[in-house]
Amino acid sequence: MNMKSGIFKSIMIACTMVLFLSCSKSSSSYGSNTPPPGNSNSNDVKIANMSFAAATITINKGTKVTWTNNDNMTHTVTADDGSFDSGDLNKGDTYSYTFGSTGTFAYHCSFHSGMTGSVVVK
């Protein structure tokens, strides 16, 4: 019984150490200037799997947003209000637009109506 108890204690200590280290700041894989995945405060939008990621981003006025097409098909980045349009973006192509006024700017892919996104400009 003592041997099993000792093994159990060792396993519990090891698990506790792993949990502690995985939660500490020093073990974080994200630097102070790198947002975690899914953060909508980045000014880069990836086009992949028939969607815009992140679908909604928030930026400051005067910030340039860059979209990159990572899909194997052509897409567009087209403002619903017509204020910007990338034209056709093939795989690997990028499109950038600088937002000079505040508001919410909805956009879509003109080839794929289910692909939508928005940029919130503060």
PDB file of N, CA and C in Angstrom:
ATOM      1  N   MET A   1       0.814  -1.187   0.000  1.00  0.00           N
ATOM      2  CA  MET A   1       0.000   0.000   0.000  1.00  0.00           C
ATOM      3  C   MET A   1       0.861   1.255   0.000  1.00  0.00           C
ATOM      4  N   ASN A   2       2.011   1.214   0.709  1.00  0.00           N
ATOM      5  CA  ASN A   2       2.884   2.376   0.756  1.00  0.00           C
ATOM      6  C   ASN A   2       3.476   2.702  -0.601  1.00  0.00           C
ATOM      7  N   MET A   3       3.804   1.693  -1.389  1.00  0.00           N
ATOM      8  CA  MET A   3       4.378   1.931  -2.708  1.00  0.00           C
ATOM      9  C   MET A   3       3.355   2.607  -3.618  1.00  0.00           C
ATOM     10  N   LYS A   4       2.102   2.131  -3.599  1.00  0.00           N
ATOM     11  CA  LYS A   4       1.046   2.752  -4.398  1.00  0.00           C
ATOM     12  C   LYS A   4       0.809   4.182  -3.940  1.00  0.00           C
ATOM     13  N   SER A   5       0.819   4.397  -2.659  1.00  0.00           N
ATOM     14  CA  SER A   5       0.613   5.731  -2.114  1.00  0.00           C
ATOM     15  C   SER A   5       1.736   6.663  -2.545  1.00  0.00           C
ATOM     16  N   GLY A   6       2.967   6.163  -2.542  1.00  0.00           N
ATOM     17  CA  GLY A   6       4.121   6.961  -2.965  1.00  0.00           C
ATOM     18  C   GLY A   6       4.050   7.326  -4.445  1.00  0.00           C
ATOM     19  N   ILE A   7       3.646   6.367  -5.259  1.00  0.00           N
ATOM     20  CA  ILE A   7       3.505   6.622  -6.700  1.00  0.00           C
ATOM     21  C   ILE A   7       2.404   7.646  -6.941  1.00  0.00           C
ATOM     22  N   PHE A   8       1.287   7.490  -6.222  1.00  0.00           N
ATOM     23  CA  PHE A   8       0.179   8.423  -6.364  1.00  0.00           C
ATOM     24  C   PHE A   8       0.624   9.842  -5.990  1.00  0.00           C
ATOM     25  N   LYS A   9       1.350   9.976  -4.883  1.00  0.00           N
ATOM     26  CA  LYS A   9       1.838  11.296  -4.457  1.00  0.00           C
ATOM     27  C   LYS A   9       2.774  11.891  -5.500  1.00  0.00           C
ATOM     28  N   SER A  10       3.648  11.081  -6.065  1.00  0.00           N
ATOM     29  CA  SER A  10       4.582  11.558  -7.088  1.00  0.00           C
ATOM     30  C   SER A  10       3.846  12.055  -8.325  1.00  0.00           C
ATOM     31  N   ILE A  11       2.826  11.316  -8.716  1.00  0.00           N
ATOM     32  CA  ILE A  11       2.032  11.718  -9.884  1.00  0.00           C
ATOM     33  C   ILE A  11       1.297  13.016  -9.593  1.00  0.00           C
ATOM     34  N   MET A  12       0.739  13.153  -8.431  1.00  0.00           N
ATOM     35  CA  MET A  12       0.020  14.377  -8.057  1.00  0.00           C
ATOM     36  C   MET A  12       0.957  15.582  -8.014  1.00  0.00           C
ATOM     37  N   ILE A  13       2.159  15.398  -7.489  1.00  0.00           N
ATOM     38  CA  ILE A  13       3.135  16.493  -7.447  1.00  0.00           C
ATOM     39  C   ILE A  13       3.518  16.890  -8.864  1.00  0.00           C
ATOM     40  N   ALA A  14       3.767  15.913  -9.723  1.00  0.00           N
ATOM     41  CA  ALA A  14       4.142  16.207 -11.111  1.00  0.00           C
ATOM     42  C   ALA A  14       3.021  16.949 -11.832  1.00  0.00           C
ATOM     43  N   CYS A  15       1.785  16.515 -11.646  1.00  0.00           N
ATOM     44  CA  CYS A  15       0.642  17.193 -12.286  1.00  0.00           C
ATOM     45  C   CYS A  15       0.488  18.612 -11.773  1.00  0.00           C
ATOM     46  N   THR A  16       0.666  18.797 -10.480  1.00  0.00           N
ATOM     47  CA  THR A  16       0.565  20.134  -9.903  1.00  0.00           C
ATOM     48  C   THR A  16       1.633  21.055 -10.476  1.00  0.00           C
ATOM     49  N   MET A  17       2.855  20.547 -10.632  1.00  0.00           N
ATOM     50  CA  MET A  17       3.949  21.360 -11.196  1.00  0.00           C
ATOM     51  C   MET A  17       3.659  21.741 -12.637  1.00  0.00           C
ATOM     52  N   VAL A  18       3.171  20.793 -13.424  1.00  0.00           N
ATOM     53  CA  VAL A  18       2.832  21.082 -14.820  1.00  0.00           C
ATOM     54  C   VAL A  18       1.742  22.142 -14.892  1.00  0.00           C
ATOM     55  N   LEU A  19       0.717  22.011 -14.065  1.00  0.00           N
ATOM     56  CA  LEU A  19      -0.365  22.985 -14.047  1.00  0.00           C
ATOM     57  C   LEU A  19       0.153  24.355 -13.646  1.00  0.00           C
ATOM     58  N   PHE A  20       0.972  24.411 -12.618  1.00  0.00           N
ATOM     59  CA  PHE A  20       1.526  25.683 -12.154  1.00  0.00           C
ATOM     60  C   PHE A  20       2.368  26.336 -13.245  1.00  0.00           C
ATOM     61  N   LEU A  21       3.242  25.568 -13.886  1.00  0.00           N
ATOM     62  CA  LEU A  21       4.111  26.134 -14.919  1.00  0.00           C
ATOM     63  C   LEU A  21       3.328  26.582 -16.141  1.00  0.00           C
ATOM     64  N   SER A  22       2.262  25.882 -16.470  1.00  0.00           N
ATOM     65  CA  SER A  22       1.480  26.258 -17.646  1.00  0.00           C
ATOM     66  C   SER A  22       0.686  27.535 -17.411  1.00  0.00           C
ATOM     67  N   CYS A  23       0.469  27.907 -16.161  1.00  0.00           N
ATOM     68  CA  CYS A  23      -0.290  29.111 -15.846  1.00  0.00           C
ATOM     69  C   CYS A  23       0.590  30.304 -15.536  1.00  0.00           C
ATOM     70  N   SER A  24       1.875  30.102 -15.375  1.00  0.00           N
ATOM     71  CA  SER A  24       2.746  31.215 -15.007  1.00  0.00           C
ATOM     72  C   SER A  24       3.055  32.089 -16.202  1.00  0.00           C
ATOM     73  N   LYS A  25       3.337  33.375 -15.941  1.00  0.00           N
ATOM     74  CA  LYS A  25       3.646  34.333 -17.009  1.00  0.00           C
ATOM     75  C   LYS A  25       4.873  33.924 -17.798  1.00  0.00           C
ATOM     76  N   SER A  26       5.880  33.415 -17.133  1.00  0.00           N
ATOM     77  CA  SER A  26       7.134  33.111 -17.800  1.00  0.00           C
ATOM     78  C   SER A  26       7.008  31.988 -18.818  1.00  0.00           C
ATOM     79  N   SER A  27       5.978  31.158 -18.716  1.00  0.00           N
ATOM     80  CA  SER A  27       5.837  30.072 -19.668  1.00  0.00           C
ATOM     81  C   SER A  27       4.898  30.428 -20.813  1.00  0.00           C
ATOM     82  N   SER A  28       4.416  31.646 -20.852  1.00  0.00           N
ATOM     83  CA  SER A  28       3.503  32.048 -21.914  1.00  0.00           C
ATOM     84  C   SER A  28       4.212  32.062 -23.257  1.00  0.00           C
ATOM     85  N   SER A  29       3.550  31.586 -24.288  1.00  0.00           N
ATOM     86  CA  SER A  29       4.150  31.592 -25.618  1.00  0.00           C
ATOM     87  C   SER A  29       3.860  32.890 -26.354  1.00  0.00           C
ATOM     88  N   TYR A  30       3.184  33.826 -25.717  1.00  0.00           N
ATOM     89  CA  TYR A  30       2.846  35.085 -26.340  1.00  0.00           C
ATOM     90  C   TYR A  30       3.636  36.192 -25.676  1.00  0.00           C
ATOM     91  N   GLY A  31       4.382  36.960 -26.467  1.00  0.00           N
ATOM     92  CA  GLY A  31       5.114  38.094 -25.930  1.00  0.00           C
ATOM     93  C   GLY A  31       4.153  39.222 -25.613  1.00  0.00           C
ATOM     94  N   SER A  32       4.661  40.267 -24.991  1.00  0.00           N
ATOM     95  CA  SER A  32       3.797  41.369 -24.575  1.00  0.00           C
ATOM     96  C   SER A  32       3.216  42.126 -25.769  1.00  0.00           C
ATOM     97  N   ASN A  33       3.822  42.012 -26.940  1.00  0.00           N
ATOM     98  CA  ASN A  33       3.322  42.718 -28.121  1.00  0.00           C
ATOM     99  C   ASN A  33       2.549  41.811 -29.066  1.00  0.00           C
ATOM    100  N   THR A  34       2.369  40.562 -28.693  1.00  0.00           N
ATOM    101  CA  THR A  34       1.691  39.606 -29.558  1.00  0.00           C
ATOM    102  C   THR A  34       0.360  39.223 -28.944  1.00  0.00           C
ATOM    103  N   PRO A  35      -0.752  39.549 -29.635  1.00  0.00           N
ATOM    104  CA  PRO A  35      -2.052  39.173 -29.087  1.00  0.00           C
ATOM    105  C   PRO A  35      -2.268  37.681 -29.186  1.00  0.00           C
ATOM    106  N   PRO A  36      -3.027  37.103 -28.270  1.00  0.00           N
ATOM    107  CA  PRO A  36      -3.336  35.684 -28.357  1.00  0.00           C
ATOM    108  C   PRO A  36      -4.236  35.400 -29.549  1.00  0.00           C
ATOM    109  N   PRO A  37      -4.325  34.150 -30.000  1.00  0.00           N
ATOM    110  CA  PRO A  37      -5.188  33.823 -31.142  1.00  0.00           C
ATOM    111  C   PRO A  37      -6.626  34.247 -30.878  1.00  0.00           C
ATOM    112  N   GLY A  38      -7.266  34.716 -31.941  1.00  0.00           N
ATOM    113  CA  GLY A  38      -8.662  35.107 -31.812  1.00  0.00           C
ATOM    114  C   GLY A  38      -8.842  36.533 -31.325  1.00  0.00           C
ATOM    115  N   ASN A  39      -7.764  37.190 -30.994  1.00  0.00           N
ATOM    116  CA  ASN A  39      -7.871  38.572 -30.524  1.00  0.00           C
ATOM    117  C   ASN A  39      -8.315  39.441 -31.690  1.00  0.00           C
ATOM    118  N   SER A  40      -9.342  40.244 -31.477  1.00  0.00           N
ATOM    119  CA  SER A  40      -9.887  41.055 -32.563  1.00  0.00           C
ATOM    120  C   SER A  40      -9.280  42.451 -32.603  1.00  0.00           C
ATOM    121  N   ASN A  41      -8.165  42.679 -31.894  1.00  0.00           N
ATOM    122  CA  ASN A  41      -7.536  43.988 -31.909  1.00  0.00           C
ATOM    123  C   ASN A  41      -6.361  44.060 -32.880  1.00  0.00           C
ATOM    124  N   SER A  42      -6.159  43.071 -33.687  1.00  0.00           N
ATOM    125  CA  SER A  42      -5.105  43.069 -34.678  1.00  0.00           C
ATOM    126  C   SER A  42      -5.589  43.813 -35.921  1.00  0.00           C
ATOM    127  N   ASN A  43      -4.648  44.334 -36.706  1.00  0.00           N
ATOM    128  CA  ASN A  43      -5.046  45.001 -37.938  1.00  0.00           C
ATOM    129  C   ASN A  43      -4.802  44.105 -39.157  1.00  0.00           C
ATOM    130  N   ASP A  44      -4.609  42.815 -38.935  1.00  0.00           N
ATOM    131  CA  ASP A  44      -4.468  41.843 -40.022  1.00  0.00           C
ATOM    132  C   ASP A  44      -5.661  40.896 -40.002  1.00  0.00           C
ATOM    133  N   VAL A  45      -6.228  40.682 -41.181  1.00  0.00           N
ATOM    134  CA  VAL A  45      -7.362  39.762 -41.310  1.00  0.00           C
ATOM    135  C   VAL A  45      -6.959  38.682 -42.304  1.00  0.00           C
ATOM    136  N   LYS A  46      -7.104  37.448 -41.901  1.00  0.00           N
ATOM    137  CA  LYS A  46      -6.806  36.316 -42.770  1.00  0.00           C
ATOM    138  C   LYS A  46      -8.080  35.850 -43.451  1.00  0.00           C
ATOM    139  N   ILE A  47      -7.952  35.510 -44.715  1.00  0.00           N
ATOM    140  CA  ILE A  47      -9.057  34.916 -45.457  1.00  0.00           C
ATOM    141  C   ILE A  47      -8.704  33.443 -45.617  1.00  0.00           C
ATOM    142  N   ALA A  48      -9.486  32.584 -44.957  1.00  0.00           N
ATOM    143  CA  ALA A  48      -9.213  31.152 -45.003  1.00  0.00           C
ATOM    144  C   ALA A  48     -10.496  30.392 -44.717  1.00  0.00           C
ATOM    145  N   ASN A  49     -10.606  29.227 -45.327  1.00  0.00           N
ATOM    146  CA  ASN A  49     -11.771  28.365 -45.107  1.00  0.00           C
ATOM    147  C   ASN A  49     -13.083  29.100 -45.336  1.00  0.00           C
ATOM    148  N   MET A  50     -13.111  29.898 -46.382  1.00  0.00           N
ATOM    149  CA  MET A  50     -14.312  30.633 -46.772  1.00  0.00           C
ATOM    150  C   MET A  50     -14.805  31.572 -45.674  1.00  0.00           C
ATOM    151  N   SER A  51     -13.881  32.207 -44.960  1.00  0.00           N
ATOM    152  CA  SER A  51     -14.283  33.157 -43.931  1.00  0.00           C
ATOM    153  C   SER A  51     -13.174  34.183 -43.691  1.00  0.00           C
ATOM    154  N   PHE A  52     -13.553  35.281 -43.047  1.00  0.00           N
ATOM    155  CA  PHE A  52     -12.615  36.303 -42.621  1.00  0.00           C
ATOM    156  C   PHE A  52     -12.296  36.047 -41.148  1.00  0.00           C
ATOM    157  N   ALA A  53     -11.012  36.002 -40.804  1.00  0.00           N
ATOM    158  CA  ALA A  53     -10.624  35.762 -39.412  1.00  0.00           C
ATOM    159  C   ALA A  53      -9.639  36.848 -38.975  1.00  0.00           C
ATOM    160  N   ALA A  54     -10.028  37.664 -38.076  1.00  0.00           N
ATOM    161  CA  ALA A  54     -11.238  37.700 -37.283  1.00  0.00           C
ATOM    162  C   ALA A  54     -12.347  38.394 -38.073  1.00  0.00           C
ATOM    163  N   ALA A  55     -13.567  37.955 -37.840  1.00  0.00           N
ATOM    164  CA  ALA A  55     -14.698  38.499 -38.577  1.00  0.00           C
ATOM    165  C   ALA A  55     -14.955  39.959 -38.226  1.00  0.00           C
ATOM    166  N   THR A  56     -14.692  40.346 -36.988  1.00  0.00           N
ATOM    167  CA  THR A  56     -14.829  41.739 -36.563  1.00  0.00           C
ATOM    168  C   THR A  56     -13.542  42.167 -35.883  1.00  0.00           C
ATOM    169  N   ILE A  57     -12.998  43.287 -36.324  1.00  0.00           N
ATOM    170  CA  ILE A  57     -11.816  43.835 -35.671  1.00  0.00           C
ATOM    171  C   ILE A  57     -12.108  45.255 -35.224  1.00  0.00           C
ATOM    172  N   THR A  58     -11.415  45.696 -34.198  1.00  0.00           N
ATOM    173  CA  THR A  58     -11.550  47.056 -33.691  1.00  0.00           C
ATOM    174  C   THR A  58     -10.192  47.731 -33.783  1.00  0.00           C
ATOM    175  N   ILE A  59     -10.173  48.906 -34.412  1.00  0.00           N
ATOM    176  CA  ILE A  59      -8.921  49.629 -34.622  1.00  0.00           C
ATOM    177  C   ILE A  59      -9.123  51.100 -34.278  1.00  0.00           C
ATOM    178  N   ASN A  60      -8.041  51.831 -34.250  1.00  0.00           N
ATOM    179  CA  ASN A  60      -8.100  53.282 -34.084  1.00  0.00           C
ATOM    180  C   ASN A  60      -8.145  53.955 -35.448  1.00  0.00           C
ATOM    181  N   LYS A  61      -8.737  55.115 -35.499  1.00  0.00           N
ATOM    182  CA  LYS A  61      -8.793  55.922 -36.720  1.00  0.00           C
ATOM    183  C   LYS A  61      -7.372  56.136 -37.239  1.00  0.00           C
ATOM    184  N   GLY A  62      -7.221  55.992 -38.556  1.00  0.00           N
ATOM    185  CA  GLY A  62      -5.922  56.160 -39.191  1.00  0.00           C
ATOM    186  C   GLY A  62      -5.110  54.885 -39.311  1.00  0.00           C
ATOM    187  N   THR A  63      -5.672  53.757 -38.851  1.00  0.00           N
ATOM    188  CA  THR A  63      -4.981  52.473 -38.903  1.00  0.00           C
ATOM    189  C   THR A  63      -5.222  51.784 -40.236  1.00  0.00           C
ATOM    190  N   LYS A  64      -4.163  51.160 -40.742  1.00  0.00           N
ATOM    191  CA  LYS A  64      -4.259  50.390 -41.989  1.00  0.00           C
ATOM    192  C   LYS A  64      -4.572  48.942 -41.643  1.00  0.00           C
ATOM    193  N   VAL A  65      -5.567  48.382 -42.306  1.00  0.00           N
ATOM    194  CA  VAL A  65      -5.929  46.974 -42.157  1.00  0.00           C
ATOM    195  C   VAL A  65      -5.477  46.240 -43.414  1.00  0.00           C
ATOM    196  N   THR A  66      -4.893  45.061 -43.217  1.00  0.00           N
ATOM    197  CA  THR A  66      -4.429  44.257 -44.346  1.00  0.00           C
ATOM    198  C   THR A  66      -5.117  42.900 -44.323  1.00  0.00           C
ATOM    199  N   TRP A  67      -5.723  42.548 -45.425  1.00  0.00           N
ATOM    200  CA  TRP A  67      -6.351  41.239 -45.615  1.00  0.00           C
ATOM    201  C   TRP A  67      -5.421  40.383 -46.457  1.00  0.00           C
ATOM    202  N   THR A  68      -5.282  39.115 -46.114  1.00  0.00           N
ATOM    203  CA  THR A  68      -4.454  38.184 -46.879  1.00  0.00           C
ATOM    204  C   THR A  68      -5.288  36.973 -47.246  1.00  0.00           C
ATOM    205  N   ASN A  69      -5.329  36.656 -48.538  1.00  0.00           N
ATOM    206  CA  ASN A  69      -6.098  35.496 -48.990  1.00  0.00           C
ATOM    207  C   ASN A  69      -5.246  34.238 -48.875  1.00  0.00           C
ATOM    208  N   ASN A  70      -5.620  33.352 -47.965  1.00  0.00           N
ATOM    209  CA  ASN A  70      -4.941  32.073 -47.786  1.00  0.00           C
ATOM    210  C   ASN A  70      -5.734  30.911 -48.366  1.00  0.00           C
ATOM    211  N   ASP A  71      -6.863  31.205 -49.010  1.00  0.00           N
ATOM    212  CA  ASP A  71      -7.687  30.166 -49.625  1.00  0.00           C
ATOM    213  C   ASP A  71      -7.183  29.840 -51.027  1.00  0.00           C
ATOM    214  N   ASN A  72      -7.595  28.691 -51.524  1.00  0.00           N
ATOM    215  CA  ASN A  72      -7.234  28.275 -52.884  1.00  0.00           C
ATOM    216  C   ASN A  72      -8.223  28.794 -53.917  1.00  0.00           C
ATOM    217  N   MET A  73      -9.021  29.782 -53.550  1.00  0.00           N
ATOM    218  CA  MET A  73      -9.981  30.357 -54.489  1.00  0.00           C
ATOM    219  C   MET A  73      -9.948  31.872 -54.394  1.00  0.00           C
ATOM    220  N   THR A  74     -10.491  32.515 -55.380  1.00  0.00           N
ATOM    221  CA  THR A  74     -10.515  33.978 -55.437  1.00  0.00           C
ATOM    222  C   THR A  74     -11.587  34.535 -54.509  1.00  0.00           C
ATOM    223  N   HIS A  75     -11.240  35.618 -53.820  1.00  0.00           N
ATOM    224  CA  HIS A  75     -12.162  36.320 -52.936  1.00  0.00           C
ATOM    225  C   HIS A  75     -12.012  37.821 -53.171  1.00  0.00           C
ATOM    226  N   THR A  76     -12.932  38.587 -52.588  1.00  0.00           N
ATOM    227  CA  THR A  76     -12.807  40.043 -52.565  1.00  0.00           C
ATOM    228  C   THR A  76     -13.041  40.526 -51.140  1.00  0.00           C
ATOM    229  N   VAL A  77     -12.609  41.746 -50.900  1.00  0.00           N
ATOM    230  CA  VAL A  77     -12.931  42.459 -49.666  1.00  0.00           C
ATOM    231  C   VAL A  77     -13.666  43.705 -50.138  1.00  0.00           C
ATOM    232  N   THR A  78     -14.987  43.686 -50.038  1.00  0.00           N
ATOM    233  CA  THR A  78     -15.824  44.730 -50.615  1.00  0.00           C
ATOM    234  C   THR A  78     -16.701  45.363 -49.542  1.00  0.00           C
ATOM    235  N   ALA A  79     -16.538  46.658 -49.326  1.00  0.00           N
ATOM    236  CA  ALA A  79     -17.341  47.366 -48.326  1.00  0.00           C
ATOM    237  C   ALA A  79     -18.801  47.365 -48.740  1.00  0.00           C
ATOM    238  N   ASP A  80     -19.680  47.132 -47.777  1.00  0.00           N
ATOM    239  CA  ASP A  80     -21.114  47.148 -48.061  1.00  0.00           C
ATOM    240  C   ASP A  80     -21.554  48.511 -48.577  1.00  0.00           C
ATOM    241  N   ASP A  81     -20.901  49.586 -48.105  1.00  0.00           N
ATOM    242  CA  ASP A  81     -21.262  50.946 -48.531  1.00  0.00           C
ATOM    243  C   ASP A  81     -20.468  51.416 -49.749  1.00  0.00           C
ATOM    244  N   GLY A  82     -19.628  50.537 -50.308  1.00  0.00           N
ATOM    245  CA  GLY A  82     -18.856  50.880 -51.503  1.00  0.00           C
ATOM    246  C   GLY A  82     -17.615  51.729 -51.248  1.00  0.00           C
ATOM    247  N   SER A  83     -17.252  51.945 -49.995  1.00  0.00           N
ATOM    248  CA  SER A  83     -16.120  52.821 -49.687  1.00  0.00           C
ATOM    249  C   SER A  83     -14.754  52.205 -50.004  1.00  0.00           C
ATOM    250  N   PHE A  84     -14.676  50.884 -50.081  1.00  0.00           N
ATOM    251  CA  PHE A  84     -13.427  50.232 -50.488  1.00  0.00           C
ATOM    252  C   PHE A  84     -13.749  48.909 -51.160  1.00  0.00           C
ATOM    253  N   ASP A  85     -12.838  48.479 -52.034  1.00  0.00           N
ATOM    254  CA  ASP A  85     -13.005  47.217 -52.757  1.00  0.00           C
ATOM    255  C   ASP A  85     -11.634  46.733 -53.197  1.00  0.00           C
ATOM    256  N   SER A  86     -11.311  45.533 -52.827  1.00  0.00           N
ATOM    257  CA  SER A  86      -9.994  44.976 -53.138  1.00  0.00           C
ATOM    258  C   SER A  86      -9.851  44.545 -54.588  1.00  0.00           C
ATOM    259  N   GLY A  87     -10.959  44.316 -55.265  1.00  0.00           N
ATOM    260  CA  GLY A  87     -10.873  43.610 -56.531  1.00  0.00           C
ATOM    261  C   GLY A  87     -10.591  42.150 -56.235  1.00  0.00           C
ATOM    262  N   ASP A  88     -10.287  41.368 -57.246  1.00  0.00           N
ATOM    263  CA  ASP A  88     -10.052  39.936 -57.063  1.00  0.00           C
ATOM    264  C   ASP A  88      -8.743  39.682 -56.322  1.00  0.00           C
ATOM    265  N   LEU A  89      -8.807  38.866 -55.288  1.00  0.00           N
ATOM    266  CA  LEU A  89      -7.622  38.449 -54.541  1.00  0.00           C
ATOM    267  C   LEU A  89      -7.430  36.953 -54.711  1.00  0.00           C
ATOM    268  N   ASN A  90      -6.356  36.561 -55.366  1.00  0.00           N
ATOM    269  CA  ASN A  90      -6.028  35.149 -55.508  1.00  0.00           C
ATOM    270  C   ASN A  90      -5.207  34.702 -54.309  1.00  0.00           C
ATOM    271  N   LYS A  91      -4.961  33.408 -54.188  1.00  0.00           N
ATOM    272  CA  LYS A  91      -4.198  32.879 -53.054  1.00  0.00           C
ATOM    273  C   LYS A  91      -2.866  33.616 -52.933  1.00  0.00           C
ATOM    274  N   GLY A  92      -2.589  34.097 -51.710  1.00  0.00           N
ATOM    275  CA  GLY A  92      -1.348  34.806 -51.438  1.00  0.00           C
ATOM    276  C   GLY A  92      -1.423  36.308 -51.632  1.00  0.00           C
ATOM    277  N   ASP A  93      -2.474  36.790 -52.306  1.00  0.00           N
ATOM    278  CA  ASP A  93      -2.627  38.235 -52.516  1.00  0.00           C
ATOM    279  C   ASP A  93      -3.046  38.925 -51.227  1.00  0.00           C
ATOM    280  N   THR A  94      -2.643  40.197 -51.113  1.00  0.00           N
ATOM    281  CA  THR A  94      -3.057  41.011 -49.974  1.00  0.00           C
ATOM    282  C   THR A  94      -3.731  42.281 -50.468  1.00  0.00           C
ATOM    283  N   TYR A  95      -4.531  42.859 -49.593  1.00  0.00           N
ATOM    284  CA  TYR A  95      -5.185  44.140 -49.846  1.00  0.00           C
ATOM    285  C   TYR A  95      -5.147  44.932 -48.545  1.00  0.00           C
ATOM    286  N   SER A  96      -4.776  46.206 -48.647  1.00  0.00           N
ATOM    287  CA  SER A  96      -4.731  47.066 -47.465  1.00  0.00           C
ATOM    288  C   SER A  96      -5.587  48.297 -47.686  1.00  0.00           C
ATOM    289  N   TYR A  97      -6.180  48.758 -46.588  1.00  0.00           N
ATOM    290  CA  TYR A  97      -7.004  49.962 -46.617  1.00  0.00           C
ATOM    291  C   TYR A  97      -6.813  50.692 -45.287  1.00  0.00           C
ATOM    292  N   THR A  98      -6.609  52.006 -45.359  1.00  0.00           N
ATOM    293  CA  THR A  98      -6.462  52.823 -44.169  1.00  0.00           C
ATOM    294  C   THR A  98      -7.787  53.501 -43.863  1.00  0.00           C
ATOM    295  N   PHE A  99      -8.277  53.314 -42.642  1.00  0.00           N
ATOM    296  CA  PHE A  99      -9.572  53.852 -42.225  1.00  0.00           C
ATOM    297  C   PHE A  99      -9.368  55.240 -41.617  1.00  0.00           C
ATOM    298  N   GLY A 100      -9.859  56.259 -42.330  1.00  0.00           N
ATOM    299  CA  GLY A 100      -9.664  57.645 -41.929  1.00  0.00           C
ATOM    300  C   GLY A 100     -10.802  58.255 -41.148  1.00  0.00           C
ATOM    301  N   SER A 101     -11.867  57.513 -40.947  1.00  0.00           N
ATOM    302  CA  SER A 101     -12.994  58.047 -40.174  1.00  0.00           C
ATOM    303  C   SER A 101     -13.521  56.971 -39.240  1.00  0.00           C
ATOM    304  N   THR A 102     -14.196  57.422 -38.192  1.00  0.00           N
ATOM    305  CA  THR A 102     -14.733  56.478 -37.212  1.00  0.00           C
ATOM    306  C   THR A 102     -16.057  55.889 -37.697  1.00  0.00           C
ATOM    307  N   GLY A 103     -16.421  54.776 -37.111  1.00  0.00           N
ATOM    308  CA  GLY A 103     -17.677  54.113 -37.451  1.00  0.00           C
ATOM    309  C   GLY A 103     -17.470  52.620 -37.585  1.00  0.00           C
ATOM    310  N   THR A 104     -18.513  51.937 -37.998  1.00  0.00           N
ATOM    311  CA  THR A 104     -18.452  50.506 -38.244  1.00  0.00           C
ATOM    312  C   THR A 104     -18.610  50.282 -39.732  1.00  0.00           C
ATOM    313  N   PHE A 105     -17.648  49.573 -40.305  1.00  0.00           N
ATOM    314  CA  PHE A 105     -17.612  49.355 -41.748  1.00  0.00           C
ATOM    315  C   PHE A 105     -17.787  47.865 -42.031  1.00  0.00           C
ATOM    316  N   ALA A 106     -18.962  47.503 -42.519  1.00  0.00           N
ATOM    317  CA  ALA A 106     -19.260  46.113 -42.863  1.00  0.00           C
ATOM    318  C   ALA A 106     -18.721  45.824 -44.258  1.00  0.00           C
ATOM    319  N   TYR A 107     -18.243  44.601 -44.449  1.00  0.00           N
ATOM    320  CA  TYR A 107     -17.743  44.202 -45.769  1.00  0.00           C
ATOM    321  C   TYR A 107     -18.082  42.744 -46.034  1.00  0.00           C
ATOM    322  N   HIS A 108     -17.882  42.342 -47.276  1.00  0.00           N
ATOM    323  CA  HIS A 108     -18.220  40.984 -47.697  1.00  0.00           C
ATOM    324  C   HIS A 108     -17.329  40.571 -48.853  1.00  0.00           C
ATOM    325  N   CYS A 109     -17.414  39.303 -49.225  1.00  0.00           N
ATOM    326  CA  CYS A 109     -16.784  38.812 -50.448  1.00  0.00           C
ATOM    327  C   CYS A 109     -17.862  38.830 -51.524  1.00  0.00           C
ATOM    328  N   SER A 110     -17.577  39.492 -52.625  1.00  0.00           N
ATOM    329  CA  SER A 110     -18.605  39.606 -53.667  1.00  0.00           C
ATOM    330  C   SER A 110     -18.867  38.278 -54.385  1.00  0.00           C
ATOM    331  N   PHE A 111     -17.985  37.296 -54.238  1.00  0.00           N
ATOM    332  CA  PHE A 111     -18.209  35.976 -54.836  1.00  0.00           C
ATOM    333  C   PHE A 111     -18.955  35.030 -53.900  1.00  0.00           C
ATOM    334  N   HIS A 112     -18.820  35.256 -52.597  1.00  0.00           N
ATOM    335  CA  HIS A 112     -19.375  34.323 -51.602  1.00  0.00           C
ATOM    336  C   HIS A 112     -20.152  35.119 -50.560  1.00  0.00           C
ATOM    337  N   SER A 113     -21.449  35.186 -50.723  1.00  0.00           N
ATOM    338  CA  SER A 113     -22.291  36.058 -49.894  1.00  0.00           C
ATOM    339  C   SER A 113     -22.255  35.711 -48.403  1.00  0.00           C
ATOM    340  N   GLY A 114     -21.898  34.495 -48.057  1.00  0.00           N
ATOM    341  CA  GLY A 114     -21.826  34.112 -46.653  1.00  0.00           C
ATOM    342  C   GLY A 114     -20.573  34.605 -45.948  1.00  0.00           C
ATOM    343  N   MET A 115     -19.638  35.133 -46.711  1.00  0.00           N
ATOM    344  CA  MET A 115     -18.403  35.655 -46.121  1.00  0.00           C
ATOM    345  C   MET A 115     -18.594  37.133 -45.803  1.00  0.00           C
ATOM    346  N   THR A 116     -18.677  37.442 -44.521  1.00  0.00           N
ATOM    347  CA  THR A 116     -18.860  38.823 -44.090  1.00  0.00           C
ATOM    348  C   THR A 116     -17.932  39.150 -42.940  1.00  0.00           C
ATOM    349  N   GLY A 117     -17.703  40.443 -42.764  1.00  0.00           N
ATOM    350  CA  GLY A 117     -16.882  40.915 -41.660  1.00  0.00           C
ATOM    351  C   GLY A 117     -17.169  42.374 -41.408  1.00  0.00           C
ATOM    352  N   SER A 118     -16.509  42.918 -40.386  1.00  0.00           N
ATOM    353  CA  SER A 118     -16.661  44.351 -40.120  1.00  0.00           C
ATOM    354  C   SER A 118     -15.430  44.876 -39.419  1.00  0.00           C
ATOM    355  N   VAL A 119     -15.204  46.163 -39.625  1.00  0.00           N
ATOM    356  CA  VAL A 119     -14.120  46.889 -38.972  1.00  0.00           C
ATOM    357  C   VAL A 119     -14.767  48.000 -38.155  1.00  0.00           C
ATOM    358  N   VAL A 120     -14.499  47.995 -36.867  1.00  0.00           N
ATOM    359  CA  VAL A 120     -14.996  49.050 -35.975  1.00  0.00           C
ATOM    360  C   VAL A 120     -13.832  50.012 -35.762  1.00  0.00           C
ATOM    361  N   VAL A 121     -14.057  51.273 -36.146  1.00  0.00           N
ATOM    362  CA  VAL A 121     -13.007  52.279 -36.057  1.00  0.00           C
ATOM    363  C   VAL A 121     -13.359  53.273 -34.963  1.00  0.00           C
ATOM    364  N   LYS A 122     -12.463  53.409 -33.989  1.00  0.00           N
ATOM    365  CA  LYS A 122     -12.684  54.326 -32.864  1.00  0.00           C
ATOM    366  C   LYS A 122     -11.989  55.650 -33.126  1.00  0.00           C
TER     367      LYS A 122
END
